[in-house]
Amino acid sequence: MRQIIEMSEREYFAYVGKRPGMFVGTASSFHRLTAFLTGYDQHAIRHGGQGLTG
């Protein structure tokens, strides 16, 4: 397995999709998922990335 830091966004979200409980908890809900994506988006923007678009 590649390190997360080496993955493209597409690869990263495919990885998250295979193991969502590892990222948003085992009692996954829409609110937890949106909080995770918002955090990802804000981190990307803060560190010079585009963030999530589209």
C-alpha atoms as a PDB file:
ATOM      1  CA  MET A   1       0.000   0.000   0.000  1.00  0.00           C
ATOM      2  CA  ARG A   2       1.178   3.516  -0.786  1.00  0.00           C
ATOM      3  CA  GLN A   3       1.513   6.103   1.932  1.00  0.00           C
ATOM      4  CA  ILE A   4      -1.463   8.461   2.154  1.00  0.00           C
ATOM      5  CA  ILE A   5       0.791  11.462   1.551  1.00  0.00           C
ATOM      6  CA  GLU A   6       1.835   9.984  -1.813  1.00  0.00           C
ATOM      7  CA  MET A   7      -1.727   9.460  -3.082  1.00  0.00           C
ATOM      8  CA  SER A   8      -3.629  11.704  -5.472  1.00  0.00           C
ATOM      9  CA  GLU A   9      -6.968  13.007  -4.191  1.00  0.00           C
ATOM     10  CA  ARG A  10      -8.773  10.460  -6.331  1.00  0.00           C
ATOM     11  CA  GLU A  11      -6.729   7.594  -4.857  1.00  0.00           C
ATOM     12  CA  TYR A  12      -7.179   8.982  -1.348  1.00  0.00           C
ATOM     13  CA  PHE A  13     -10.967   9.148  -1.566  1.00  0.00           C
ATOM     14  CA  ALA A  14     -11.086   5.661  -3.102  1.00  0.00           C
ATOM     15  CA  TYR A  15      -9.103   4.504  -0.055  1.00  0.00           C
ATOM     16  CA  VAL A  16     -11.491   6.325   2.311  1.00  0.00           C
ATOM     17  CA  GLY A  17     -14.423   4.726   0.481  1.00  0.00           C
ATOM     18  CA  LYS A  18     -13.034   1.248   1.199  1.00  0.00           C
ATOM     19  CA  ARG A  19     -12.625   1.938   4.928  1.00  0.00           C
ATOM     20  CA  PRO A  20     -14.979   4.780   5.882  1.00  0.00           C
ATOM     21  CA  GLY A  21     -15.188   3.701   9.516  1.00  0.00           C
ATOM     22  CA  MET A  22     -11.494   4.383   9.906  1.00  0.00           C
ATOM     23  CA  PHE A  23     -12.030   8.028   8.934  1.00  0.00           C
ATOM     24  CA  VAL A  24     -15.537   8.958  10.106  1.00  0.00           C
ATOM     25  CA  GLY A  25     -16.255   6.360  12.790  1.00  0.00           C
ATOM     26  CA  THR A  26     -18.206   3.150  12.792  1.00  0.00           C
ATOM     27  CA  ALA A  27     -21.561   4.853  13.314  1.00  0.00           C
ATOM     28  CA  SER A  28     -21.189   6.669  10.008  1.00  0.00           C
ATOM     29  CA  SER A  29     -23.710   9.340   9.296  1.00  0.00           C
ATOM     30  CA  PHE A  30     -24.175  12.107   6.776  1.00  0.00           C
ATOM     31  CA  HIS A  31     -23.096  14.699   9.361  1.00  0.00           C
ATOM     32  CA  ARG A  32     -19.846  12.912  10.169  1.00  0.00           C
ATOM     33  CA  LEU A  33     -19.031  12.489   6.511  1.00  0.00           C
ATOM     34  CA  THR A  34     -19.706  16.154   5.735  1.00  0.00           C
ATOM     35  CA  ALA A  35     -17.562  17.191   8.730  1.00  0.00           C
ATOM     36  CA  PHE A  36     -14.720  15.018   7.421  1.00  0.00           C
ATOM     37  CA  LEU A  37     -14.990  16.471   3.910  1.00  0.00           C
ATOM     38  CA  THR A  38     -15.205  20.039   5.229  1.00  0.00           C
ATOM     39  CA  GLY A  39     -12.072  19.475   7.303  1.00  0.00           C
ATOM     40  CA  TYR A  40     -10.269  18.002   4.314  1.00  0.00           C
ATOM     41  CA  ASP A  41     -11.330  20.935   2.135  1.00  0.00           C
ATOM     42  CA  GLN A  42     -10.240  23.580   4.639  1.00  0.00           C
ATOM     43  CA  HIS A  43      -6.893  21.883   5.232  1.00  0.00           C
ATOM     44  CA  ALA A  44      -6.197  21.750   1.501  1.00  0.00           C
ATOM     45  CA  ILE A  45      -7.029  25.445   1.064  1.00  0.00           C
ATOM     46  CA  ARG A  46      -4.955  26.480   4.071  1.00  0.00           C
ATOM     47  CA  HIS A  47      -1.934  24.628   2.738  1.00  0.00           C
ATOM     48  CA  GLY A  48      -2.096  26.004  -0.790  1.00  0.00           C
ATOM     49  CA  GLY A  49      -4.304  23.427  -2.460  1.00  0.00           C
ATOM     50  CA  GLN A  50      -7.478  23.982  -4.468  1.00  0.00           C
ATOM     51  CA  GLY A  51      -9.744  22.358  -1.983  1.00  0.00           C
ATOM     52  CA  LEU A  52     -12.731  20.380  -3.134  1.00  0.00           C
ATOM     53  CA  THR A  53     -14.513  21.765  -6.154  1.00  0.00           C
ATOM     54  CA  GLY A  54     -17.415  20.516  -8.200  1.00  0.00           C
END
